[in-house]
């Protein structure tokens, strides 16, 4: 609960500090790059969480990471502020909320499409166009191959899942048959 409140507060503040919406994607990419670095290097988490390491050393590490990731000034300031306030460990939550805030500002929606095989470009484009017309937003599609599906696809738009897979249809059929047997 606290993680969500902190993530939302800092993500909102970061979003408001960026006046040109065209810069939101770059900021999001930088935040996600930082998160990936933290997840790939558990020593970084311990470094920033350790109370015995001087603040100057942590600030220098932030500067080095920002230089390596080519992070902009907004992200650099945010990471330095998080380090100073001992909130750097909330970075994943902040990045997740920032993605939502920036998508809202850019009038776009992220959709995850899972299928049994890689979808062709024309299928993805057709789906993007259809969803764009329905939702009246720019659609960003991420495709995944899900070997547990027998056939069909599943779409996840935010918290909503549309399951048009054969596995789901068989599950519904099984439930209907079981209800008939009980009656």
N, C-alpha and C. Protein backbone atom coordinates (compact mmCIF):
# COMPACT_ATOMS: atom_id res chain seq x y z
N UNK A 1 0.82 -1.18 0.00
CA UNK A 1 0.00 0.00 0.00
C UNK A 1 0.87 1.25 0.00
N UNK A 2 1.86 1.30 0.89
CA UNK A 2 2.77 2.43 0.96
C UNK A 2 3.55 2.56 -0.35
N UNK A 3 3.99 1.41 -0.88
CA UNK A 3 4.75 1.39 -2.13
C UNK A 3 3.94 2.03 -3.25
N UNK A 4 2.64 1.72 -3.31
CA UNK A 4 1.78 2.28 -4.34
C UNK A 4 1.60 3.79 -4.17
N UNK A 5 1.40 4.23 -2.94
CA UNK A 5 1.21 5.66 -2.69
C UNK A 5 2.46 6.45 -3.05
N UNK A 6 3.61 5.92 -2.66
CA UNK A 6 4.86 6.61 -2.98
C UNK A 6 5.10 6.60 -4.48
N UNK A 7 4.88 5.45 -5.10
CA UNK A 7 5.07 5.34 -6.55
C UNK A 7 4.21 6.32 -7.31
N UNK A 8 2.96 6.41 -6.92
CA UNK A 8 2.02 7.31 -7.59
C UNK A 8 2.42 8.76 -7.40
N UNK A 9 2.76 9.13 -6.17
CA UNK A 9 3.11 10.52 -5.87
C UNK A 9 4.33 10.98 -6.69
N UNK A 10 5.39 10.17 -6.69
CA UNK A 10 6.60 10.56 -7.42
C UNK A 10 6.39 10.51 -8.94
N UNK A 11 5.61 9.52 -9.41
CA UNK A 11 5.34 9.43 -10.85
C UNK A 11 4.54 10.65 -11.33
N UNK A 12 3.55 11.05 -10.54
CA UNK A 12 2.77 12.24 -10.88
C UNK A 12 3.65 13.49 -10.92
N UNK A 13 4.50 13.62 -9.92
CA UNK A 13 5.39 14.79 -9.86
C UNK A 13 6.34 14.81 -11.05
N UNK A 14 6.90 13.66 -11.39
CA UNK A 14 7.81 13.59 -12.53
C UNK A 14 7.08 13.93 -13.82
N UNK A 15 5.88 13.40 -13.98
CA UNK A 15 5.10 13.67 -15.19
C UNK A 15 4.79 15.16 -15.31
N UNK A 16 4.42 15.79 -14.21
CA UNK A 16 4.09 17.21 -14.25
C UNK A 16 5.31 18.08 -14.54
N UNK A 17 6.50 17.58 -14.21
CA UNK A 17 7.72 18.35 -14.47
C UNK A 17 8.12 18.31 -15.95
N UNK A 18 7.50 17.44 -16.71
CA UNK A 18 7.83 17.30 -18.13
C UNK A 18 6.72 17.99 -18.93
N UNK A 19 7.03 19.16 -19.46
CA UNK A 19 6.01 19.94 -20.15
C UNK A 19 5.77 19.45 -21.58
N UNK A 20 6.80 18.97 -22.24
CA UNK A 20 6.67 18.49 -23.62
C UNK A 20 6.37 16.99 -23.59
N UNK A 21 5.15 16.63 -23.94
CA UNK A 21 4.71 15.23 -23.88
C UNK A 21 5.55 14.31 -24.77
N UNK A 22 6.21 14.87 -25.77
CA UNK A 22 7.05 14.04 -26.65
C UNK A 22 8.23 13.44 -25.90
N UNK A 23 8.59 14.01 -24.74
CA UNK A 23 9.72 13.51 -23.95
C UNK A 23 9.33 12.38 -23.00
N UNK A 24 8.05 12.11 -22.86
CA UNK A 24 7.59 11.11 -21.89
C UNK A 24 8.14 9.72 -22.19
N UNK A 25 8.16 9.32 -23.45
CA UNK A 25 8.66 7.98 -23.79
C UNK A 25 10.14 7.82 -23.41
N UNK A 26 10.93 8.84 -23.64
CA UNK A 26 12.35 8.78 -23.29
C UNK A 26 12.55 8.68 -21.78
N UNK A 27 11.75 9.41 -21.04
CA UNK A 27 11.84 9.36 -19.58
C UNK A 27 11.42 7.98 -19.09
N UNK A 28 10.35 7.46 -19.66
CA UNK A 28 9.89 6.12 -19.28
C UNK A 28 10.98 5.08 -19.59
N UNK A 29 11.59 5.20 -20.75
CA UNK A 29 12.66 4.26 -21.11
C UNK A 29 13.80 4.34 -20.09
N UNK A 30 14.18 5.54 -19.69
CA UNK A 30 15.25 5.69 -18.70
C UNK A 30 14.88 5.08 -17.36
N UNK A 31 13.66 5.33 -16.91
CA UNK A 31 13.21 4.74 -15.64
C UNK A 31 13.23 3.22 -15.71
N UNK A 32 12.74 2.67 -16.81
CA UNK A 32 12.73 1.22 -16.96
C UNK A 32 14.15 0.65 -17.06
N UNK A 33 15.05 1.40 -17.66
CA UNK A 33 16.45 0.98 -17.73
C UNK A 33 17.07 0.92 -16.34
N UNK A 34 16.76 1.92 -15.52
CA UNK A 34 17.23 1.92 -14.13
C UNK A 34 16.68 0.71 -13.40
N UNK A 35 15.40 0.45 -13.57
CA UNK A 35 14.78 -0.71 -12.91
C UNK A 35 15.45 -2.00 -13.35
N UNK A 36 15.72 -2.12 -14.63
CA UNK A 36 16.38 -3.32 -15.15
C UNK A 36 17.78 -3.47 -14.56
N UNK A 37 18.48 -2.35 -14.42
CA UNK A 37 19.82 -2.40 -13.82
C UNK A 37 19.75 -2.87 -12.36
N UNK A 38 18.76 -2.37 -11.64
CA UNK A 38 18.59 -2.77 -10.24
C UNK A 38 18.23 -4.25 -10.14
N UNK A 39 17.38 -4.72 -11.04
CA UNK A 39 16.96 -6.11 -11.00
C UNK A 39 18.08 -7.05 -11.44
N UNK A 40 18.92 -6.59 -12.35
CA UNK A 40 20.02 -7.42 -12.83
C UNK A 40 21.20 -7.43 -11.85
N UNK A 41 21.32 -6.37 -11.06
CA UNK A 41 22.44 -6.24 -10.13
C UNK A 41 21.92 -6.05 -8.69
N UNK A 42 21.67 -7.14 -7.98
CA UNK A 42 21.17 -7.02 -6.60
C UNK A 42 22.13 -6.23 -5.70
N UNK A 43 23.40 -6.18 -6.06
CA UNK A 43 24.36 -5.40 -5.27
C UNK A 43 24.02 -3.91 -5.29
N UNK A 44 23.42 -3.43 -6.38
CA UNK A 44 23.01 -2.03 -6.44
C UNK A 44 21.94 -1.73 -5.39
N UNK A 45 21.01 -2.65 -5.25
CA UNK A 45 19.94 -2.47 -4.25
C UNK A 45 20.56 -2.40 -2.86
N UNK A 46 21.46 -3.33 -2.58
CA UNK A 46 22.12 -3.34 -1.26
C UNK A 46 22.95 -2.08 -1.06
N UNK A 47 23.61 -1.61 -2.11
CA UNK A 47 24.42 -0.41 -2.04
C UNK A 47 23.56 0.79 -1.62
N UNK A 48 22.43 0.98 -2.30
CA UNK A 48 21.57 2.14 -2.00
C UNK A 48 20.83 1.99 -0.69
N UNK A 49 20.57 0.75 -0.27
CA UNK A 49 19.84 0.53 0.99
C UNK A 49 20.74 0.59 2.21
N UNK A 50 22.04 0.44 2.01
CA UNK A 50 22.96 0.36 3.14
C UNK A 50 23.10 1.73 3.81
N UNK A 51 22.78 1.80 5.10
CA UNK A 51 22.84 3.09 5.80
C UNK A 51 24.27 3.58 6.05
N UNK A 52 25.25 2.69 5.98
CA UNK A 52 26.63 3.08 6.26
C UNK A 52 27.35 3.71 5.08
N UNK A 53 26.78 3.62 3.91
CA UNK A 53 27.43 4.20 2.72
C UNK A 53 27.05 5.68 2.65
N UNK A 54 28.05 6.55 2.57
CA UNK A 54 27.78 7.99 2.56
C UNK A 54 26.90 8.42 1.38
N UNK A 55 26.11 9.43 1.62
CA UNK A 55 25.19 9.96 0.60
C UNK A 55 25.95 10.43 -0.64
N UNK A 56 27.14 10.96 -0.45
CA UNK A 56 27.93 11.44 -1.60
C UNK A 56 28.29 10.29 -2.54
N UNK A 57 28.61 9.13 -1.95
CA UNK A 57 28.94 7.96 -2.77
C UNK A 57 27.72 7.49 -3.56
N UNK A 58 26.57 7.54 -2.92
CA UNK A 58 25.35 7.13 -3.60
C UNK A 58 25.01 8.11 -4.73
N UNK A 59 25.20 9.40 -4.47
CA UNK A 59 24.93 10.41 -5.50
C UNK A 59 25.89 10.24 -6.68
N UNK A 60 27.13 9.92 -6.38
CA UNK A 60 28.11 9.69 -7.45
C UNK A 60 27.72 8.47 -8.27
N UNK A 61 27.22 7.43 -7.61
CA UNK A 61 26.78 6.23 -8.32
C UNK A 61 25.60 6.56 -9.23
N UNK A 62 24.68 7.39 -8.75
CA UNK A 62 23.54 7.82 -9.58
C UNK A 62 24.05 8.55 -10.82
N UNK A 63 25.01 9.46 -10.63
CA UNK A 63 25.56 10.21 -11.77
C UNK A 63 26.19 9.26 -12.78
N UNK A 64 26.93 8.29 -12.29
CA UNK A 64 27.58 7.32 -13.18
C UNK A 64 26.53 6.51 -13.95
N UNK A 65 25.52 6.02 -13.24
CA UNK A 65 24.46 5.25 -13.89
C UNK A 65 23.71 6.10 -14.91
N UNK A 66 23.43 7.34 -14.57
CA UNK A 66 22.73 8.23 -15.50
C UNK A 66 23.56 8.47 -16.76
N UNK A 67 24.86 8.63 -16.58
CA UNK A 67 25.74 8.81 -17.74
C UNK A 67 25.73 7.56 -18.61
N UNK A 68 25.83 6.38 -17.99
CA UNK A 68 25.85 5.13 -18.76
C UNK A 68 24.53 4.89 -19.49
N UNK A 69 23.42 5.23 -18.84
CA UNK A 69 22.10 5.01 -19.44
C UNK A 69 21.64 6.18 -20.30
N UNK A 70 22.46 7.24 -20.33
CA UNK A 70 22.12 8.46 -21.08
C UNK A 70 20.76 9.01 -20.66
N UNK A 71 20.55 9.01 -19.36
CA UNK A 71 19.30 9.51 -18.80
C UNK A 71 19.28 11.03 -18.85
N UNK A 72 18.11 11.58 -19.10
CA UNK A 72 17.94 13.02 -19.17
C UNK A 72 17.96 13.67 -17.79
N UNK A 73 17.87 14.99 -17.80
CA UNK A 73 17.94 15.75 -16.55
C UNK A 73 16.78 15.44 -15.61
N UNK A 74 15.59 15.24 -16.15
CA UNK A 74 14.42 14.97 -15.30
C UNK A 74 14.62 13.67 -14.53
N UNK A 75 15.10 12.65 -15.21
CA UNK A 75 15.32 11.35 -14.55
C UNK A 75 16.48 11.45 -13.58
N UNK A 76 17.53 12.14 -13.98
CA UNK A 76 18.69 12.32 -13.10
C UNK A 76 18.27 13.00 -11.80
N UNK A 77 17.49 14.05 -11.90
CA UNK A 77 17.02 14.77 -10.72
C UNK A 77 16.14 13.88 -9.85
N UNK A 78 15.26 13.11 -10.50
CA UNK A 78 14.36 12.22 -9.77
C UNK A 78 15.15 11.16 -9.01
N UNK A 79 16.11 10.54 -9.66
CA UNK A 79 16.89 9.48 -9.02
C UNK A 79 17.72 10.04 -7.88
N UNK A 80 18.29 11.22 -8.07
CA UNK A 80 19.05 11.86 -6.99
C UNK A 80 18.14 12.18 -5.81
N UNK A 81 16.95 12.68 -6.09
CA UNK A 81 15.99 12.99 -5.02
C UNK A 81 15.58 11.71 -4.28
N UNK A 82 15.33 10.64 -5.03
CA UNK A 82 14.96 9.37 -4.40
C UNK A 82 16.09 8.85 -3.53
N UNK A 83 17.30 9.01 -3.98
CA UNK A 83 18.46 8.57 -3.21
C UNK A 83 18.58 9.38 -1.93
N UNK A 84 18.45 10.69 -2.06
CA UNK A 84 18.55 11.58 -0.90
C UNK A 84 17.47 11.28 0.13
N UNK A 85 16.27 10.98 -0.34
CA UNK A 85 15.14 10.72 0.57
C UNK A 85 15.00 9.24 0.95
N UNK A 86 15.97 8.45 0.52
CA UNK A 86 15.98 7.01 0.83
C UNK A 86 14.73 6.31 0.31
N UNK A 87 14.35 6.66 -0.91
CA UNK A 87 13.17 6.08 -1.55
C UNK A 87 13.54 5.37 -2.86
N UNK A 88 14.81 5.18 -3.12
CA UNK A 88 15.25 4.58 -4.38
C UNK A 88 14.70 3.17 -4.57
N UNK A 89 14.42 2.49 -3.47
CA UNK A 89 13.91 1.12 -3.57
C UNK A 89 12.46 1.08 -4.07
N UNK A 90 11.82 2.24 -4.21
CA UNK A 90 10.46 2.32 -4.73
C UNK A 90 10.46 2.59 -6.24
N UNK A 91 11.63 2.50 -6.86
CA UNK A 91 11.77 2.89 -8.27
C UNK A 91 10.88 2.07 -9.20
N UNK A 92 10.73 0.78 -8.99
CA UNK A 92 9.88 -0.05 -9.87
C UNK A 92 8.43 0.43 -9.80
N UNK A 93 7.96 0.72 -8.61
CA UNK A 93 6.59 1.22 -8.45
C UNK A 93 6.43 2.57 -9.14
N UNK A 94 7.40 3.43 -9.02
CA UNK A 94 7.36 4.74 -9.67
C UNK A 94 7.34 4.58 -11.18
N UNK A 95 8.17 3.69 -11.71
CA UNK A 95 8.20 3.46 -13.16
C UNK A 95 6.87 2.91 -13.66
N UNK A 96 6.28 2.00 -12.91
CA UNK A 96 4.99 1.43 -13.31
C UNK A 96 3.90 2.50 -13.34
N UNK A 97 3.85 3.33 -12.32
CA UNK A 97 2.86 4.40 -12.30
C UNK A 97 3.15 5.45 -13.37
N UNK A 98 4.42 5.73 -13.60
CA UNK A 98 4.77 6.71 -14.62
C UNK A 98 4.32 6.23 -16.00
N UNK A 99 4.44 4.94 -16.24
CA UNK A 99 3.97 4.39 -17.52
C UNK A 99 2.48 4.67 -17.69
N UNK A 100 1.71 4.45 -16.64
CA UNK A 100 0.27 4.70 -16.70
C UNK A 100 -0.03 6.19 -16.92
N UNK A 101 0.68 7.04 -16.20
CA UNK A 101 0.45 8.48 -16.31
C UNK A 101 0.83 8.98 -17.70
N UNK A 102 1.96 8.52 -18.21
CA UNK A 102 2.39 8.98 -19.53
C UNK A 102 1.47 8.43 -20.62
N UNK A 103 0.99 7.19 -20.47
CA UNK A 103 0.03 6.66 -21.45
C UNK A 103 -1.23 7.50 -21.47
N UNK A 104 -1.67 7.91 -20.30
CA UNK A 104 -2.87 8.74 -20.22
C UNK A 104 -2.64 10.08 -20.91
N UNK A 105 -1.50 10.69 -20.65
CA UNK A 105 -1.19 11.99 -21.26
C UNK A 105 -1.06 11.87 -22.77
N UNK A 106 -0.54 10.74 -23.25
CA UNK A 106 -0.33 10.55 -24.68
C UNK A 106 -1.55 9.92 -25.37
N UNK A 107 -2.62 9.68 -24.61
CA UNK A 107 -3.85 9.07 -25.12
C UNK A 107 -3.54 7.74 -25.83
N UNK A 108 -2.83 6.87 -25.09
CA UNK A 108 -2.48 5.57 -25.65
C UNK A 108 -2.76 4.47 -24.64
N UNK A 109 -2.88 3.25 -25.15
CA UNK A 109 -3.17 2.08 -24.34
C UNK A 109 -2.20 0.98 -24.74
N UNK A 110 -1.69 0.26 -23.74
CA UNK A 110 -0.80 -0.87 -24.00
C UNK A 110 -1.62 -2.15 -23.95
N UNK A 111 -1.44 -2.96 -24.98
CA UNK A 111 -2.17 -4.22 -25.10
C UNK A 111 -1.15 -5.34 -25.24
N UNK A 112 -1.34 -6.39 -24.43
CA UNK A 112 -0.50 -7.58 -24.53
C UNK A 112 -1.32 -8.67 -25.22
N UNK A 113 -0.79 -9.17 -26.33
CA UNK A 113 -1.46 -10.21 -27.10
C UNK A 113 -0.64 -11.49 -26.96
N UNK A 114 -1.28 -12.55 -26.47
CA UNK A 114 -0.63 -13.85 -26.34
C UNK A 114 -1.26 -14.79 -27.35
N UNK A 115 -0.41 -15.51 -28.07
CA UNK A 115 -0.88 -16.47 -29.08
C UNK A 115 0.04 -17.69 -29.06
N UNK A 116 -0.38 -18.72 -29.77
CA UNK A 116 0.41 -19.95 -29.80
C UNK A 116 1.68 -19.80 -30.63
N UNK A 117 1.67 -18.84 -31.52
CA UNK A 117 2.84 -18.58 -32.37
C UNK A 117 2.98 -17.08 -32.58
N UNK A 118 4.10 -16.69 -33.11
CA UNK A 118 4.35 -15.27 -33.38
C UNK A 118 3.34 -14.78 -34.42
N UNK A 119 2.71 -13.65 -34.15
CA UNK A 119 1.74 -13.09 -35.08
C UNK A 119 2.46 -12.37 -36.21
N UNK A 120 1.88 -12.44 -37.40
CA UNK A 120 2.44 -11.73 -38.56
C UNK A 120 2.19 -10.24 -38.39
N UNK A 121 3.03 -9.44 -39.04
CA UNK A 121 2.91 -7.98 -38.93
C UNK A 121 1.54 -7.48 -39.36
N UNK A 122 0.97 -8.07 -40.43
CA UNK A 122 -0.33 -7.61 -40.88
C UNK A 122 -1.43 -7.94 -39.87
N UNK A 123 -1.29 -9.06 -39.14
CA UNK A 123 -2.25 -9.38 -38.09
C UNK A 123 -2.16 -8.38 -36.94
N UNK A 124 -0.94 -8.06 -36.55
CA UNK A 124 -0.74 -7.09 -35.47
C UNK A 124 -1.27 -5.72 -35.89
N UNK A 125 -0.98 -5.32 -37.11
CA UNK A 125 -1.46 -4.02 -37.60
C UNK A 125 -2.99 -3.98 -37.66
N UNK A 126 -3.60 -5.06 -38.13
CA UNK A 126 -5.06 -5.13 -38.20
C UNK A 126 -5.66 -5.01 -36.79
N UNK A 127 -5.08 -5.74 -35.85
CA UNK A 127 -5.55 -5.70 -34.46
C UNK A 127 -5.37 -4.30 -33.88
N UNK A 128 -4.22 -3.68 -34.14
CA UNK A 128 -3.95 -2.33 -33.65
C UNK A 128 -4.98 -1.34 -34.20
N UNK A 129 -5.26 -1.44 -35.49
CA UNK A 129 -6.24 -0.53 -36.11
C UNK A 129 -7.63 -0.73 -35.53
N UNK A 130 -8.04 -1.99 -35.38
CA UNK A 130 -9.38 -2.29 -34.86
C UNK A 130 -9.52 -1.80 -33.42
N UNK A 131 -8.53 -2.09 -32.59
CA UNK A 131 -8.58 -1.63 -31.20
C UNK A 131 -8.53 -0.11 -31.12
N UNK A 132 -7.75 0.51 -31.99
CA UNK A 132 -7.66 1.97 -32.02
C UNK A 132 -9.00 2.61 -32.32
N UNK A 133 -9.74 2.00 -33.27
CA UNK A 133 -11.07 2.53 -33.60
C UNK A 133 -12.04 2.33 -32.43
N UNK A 134 -11.97 1.17 -31.78
CA UNK A 134 -12.89 0.87 -30.68
C UNK A 134 -12.60 1.74 -29.47
N UNK A 135 -11.32 1.86 -29.11
CA UNK A 135 -10.95 2.58 -27.89
C UNK A 135 -10.68 4.06 -28.13
N UNK A 136 -10.54 4.45 -29.40
CA UNK A 136 -10.25 5.83 -29.76
C UNK A 136 -8.96 6.31 -29.09
N UNK A 137 -7.96 5.44 -29.12
CA UNK A 137 -6.65 5.75 -28.57
C UNK A 137 -5.57 5.14 -29.45
N UNK A 138 -4.36 5.62 -29.28
CA UNK A 138 -3.22 5.00 -29.93
C UNK A 138 -2.95 3.68 -29.19
N UNK A 139 -2.73 2.62 -29.93
CA UNK A 139 -2.54 1.30 -29.35
C UNK A 139 -1.08 0.88 -29.49
N UNK A 140 -0.50 0.46 -28.37
CA UNK A 140 0.86 -0.09 -28.37
C UNK A 140 0.71 -1.58 -28.06
N UNK A 141 1.11 -2.41 -29.00
CA UNK A 141 0.91 -3.85 -28.84
C UNK A 141 2.23 -4.54 -28.55
N UNK A 142 2.19 -5.38 -27.52
CA UNK A 142 3.31 -6.27 -27.20
C UNK A 142 2.79 -7.69 -27.44
N UNK A 143 3.50 -8.44 -28.25
CA UNK A 143 3.08 -9.81 -28.53
C UNK A 143 3.94 -10.79 -27.75
N UNK A 144 3.30 -11.89 -27.36
CA UNK A 144 4.00 -12.96 -26.64
C UNK A 144 3.55 -14.29 -27.20
N UNK A 145 4.46 -15.23 -27.21
CA UNK A 145 4.11 -16.59 -27.58
C UNK A 145 3.84 -17.35 -26.29
N UNK A 146 2.66 -17.97 -26.22
CA UNK A 146 2.25 -18.73 -25.03
C UNK A 146 2.03 -20.17 -25.46
N UNK A 147 2.97 -21.03 -25.13
CA UNK A 147 2.90 -22.42 -25.54
C UNK A 147 1.82 -23.20 -24.80
N UNK A 148 1.25 -22.63 -23.75
CA UNK A 148 0.19 -23.33 -23.02
C UNK A 148 -1.16 -23.21 -23.72
N UNK A 149 -1.25 -22.28 -24.67
CA UNK A 149 -2.50 -22.14 -25.43
C UNK A 149 -2.56 -23.23 -26.50
N UNK A 150 -3.73 -23.75 -26.73
CA UNK A 150 -3.92 -24.74 -27.79
C UNK A 150 -4.10 -24.00 -29.12
N UNK A 151 -4.80 -22.91 -29.07
CA UNK A 151 -5.06 -22.07 -30.23
C UNK A 151 -5.76 -20.82 -29.77
N UNK A 152 -5.97 -19.89 -30.69
CA UNK A 152 -6.62 -18.64 -30.34
C UNK A 152 -5.65 -17.64 -29.73
N UNK A 153 -6.22 -16.59 -29.15
CA UNK A 153 -5.41 -15.53 -28.56
C UNK A 153 -6.04 -15.04 -27.26
N UNK A 154 -5.21 -14.38 -26.45
CA UNK A 154 -5.72 -13.63 -25.31
C UNK A 154 -5.21 -12.20 -25.43
N UNK A 155 -6.05 -11.26 -25.07
CA UNK A 155 -5.69 -9.85 -25.08
C UNK A 155 -5.78 -9.32 -23.67
N UNK A 156 -4.78 -8.58 -23.25
CA UNK A 156 -4.84 -7.91 -21.96
C UNK A 156 -4.70 -6.42 -22.20
N UNK A 157 -5.74 -5.69 -21.81
CA UNK A 157 -5.76 -4.23 -21.91
C UNK A 157 -5.92 -3.72 -20.50
N UNK A 158 -4.84 -3.26 -19.91
CA UNK A 158 -4.88 -2.84 -18.51
C UNK A 158 -5.18 -4.03 -17.63
N UNK A 159 -6.24 -3.93 -16.84
CA UNK A 159 -6.63 -5.02 -15.96
C UNK A 159 -7.66 -5.95 -16.60
N UNK A 160 -8.08 -5.65 -17.81
CA UNK A 160 -9.10 -6.43 -18.50
C UNK A 160 -8.45 -7.45 -19.43
N UNK A 161 -8.92 -8.70 -19.34
CA UNK A 161 -8.41 -9.77 -20.20
C UNK A 161 -9.55 -10.30 -21.05
N UNK A 162 -9.33 -10.35 -22.35
CA UNK A 162 -10.27 -10.98 -23.28
C UNK A 162 -9.62 -12.29 -23.72
N UNK A 163 -10.22 -13.39 -23.34
CA UNK A 163 -9.64 -14.71 -23.60
C UNK A 163 -10.42 -15.41 -24.70
N UNK A 164 -9.87 -15.40 -25.90
CA UNK A 164 -10.48 -16.08 -27.04
C UNK A 164 -9.65 -17.31 -27.41
N UNK A 165 -9.12 -17.96 -26.39
CA UNK A 165 -8.29 -19.14 -26.64
C UNK A 165 -9.14 -20.40 -26.63
N UNK A 166 -8.66 -21.41 -27.29
CA UNK A 166 -9.35 -22.71 -27.30
C UNK A 166 -9.35 -23.29 -25.89
N UNK A 167 -8.27 -23.10 -25.16
CA UNK A 167 -8.20 -23.58 -23.78
C UNK A 167 -9.35 -23.02 -22.95
N UNK A 168 -9.62 -21.72 -23.10
CA UNK A 168 -10.72 -21.09 -22.36
C UNK A 168 -12.07 -21.63 -22.82
N UNK A 169 -12.23 -21.80 -24.12
CA UNK A 169 -13.50 -22.32 -24.63
C UNK A 169 -13.74 -23.74 -24.13
N UNK A 170 -12.68 -24.56 -24.08
CA UNK A 170 -12.82 -25.91 -23.55
C UNK A 170 -13.16 -25.90 -22.06
N UNK A 171 -12.57 -24.97 -21.34
CA UNK A 171 -12.86 -24.83 -19.91
C UNK A 171 -14.33 -24.47 -19.69
N UNK A 172 -14.84 -23.55 -20.50
CA UNK A 172 -16.25 -23.15 -20.39
C UNK A 172 -17.15 -24.33 -20.74
N UNK A 173 -16.78 -25.09 -21.78
CA UNK A 173 -17.55 -26.27 -22.17
C UNK A 173 -17.55 -27.31 -21.05
N UNK A 174 -16.40 -27.52 -20.43
CA UNK A 174 -16.29 -28.48 -19.33
C UNK A 174 -17.20 -28.06 -18.16
N UNK A 175 -17.20 -26.78 -17.82
CA UNK A 175 -18.05 -26.29 -16.74
C UNK A 175 -19.52 -26.49 -17.07
N UNK A 176 -19.90 -26.28 -18.32
CA UNK A 176 -21.29 -26.46 -18.73
C UNK A 176 -21.69 -27.92 -18.63
N UNK A 177 -20.80 -28.82 -19.03
CA UNK A 177 -21.08 -30.25 -18.96
C UNK A 177 -21.20 -30.69 -17.50
N UNK A 178 -20.30 -30.19 -16.64
CA UNK A 178 -20.36 -30.54 -15.23
C UNK A 178 -21.65 -30.06 -14.58
N UNK A 179 -22.13 -28.88 -14.98
CA UNK A 179 -23.41 -28.37 -14.45
C UNK A 179 -24.56 -29.27 -14.88
N UNK A 180 -24.51 -29.73 -16.12
CA UNK A 180 -25.56 -30.61 -16.63
C UNK A 180 -25.57 -31.93 -15.88
N UNK A 181 -24.37 -32.45 -15.55
CA UNK A 181 -24.29 -33.72 -14.84
C UNK A 181 -24.85 -33.59 -13.42
N UNK A 182 -24.64 -32.44 -12.78
CA UNK A 182 -25.14 -32.21 -11.43
C UNK A 182 -26.67 -32.13 -11.43
N UNK A 183 -27.22 -31.50 -12.43
CA UNK A 183 -28.67 -31.32 -12.51
C UNK A 183 -29.29 -32.64 -12.83
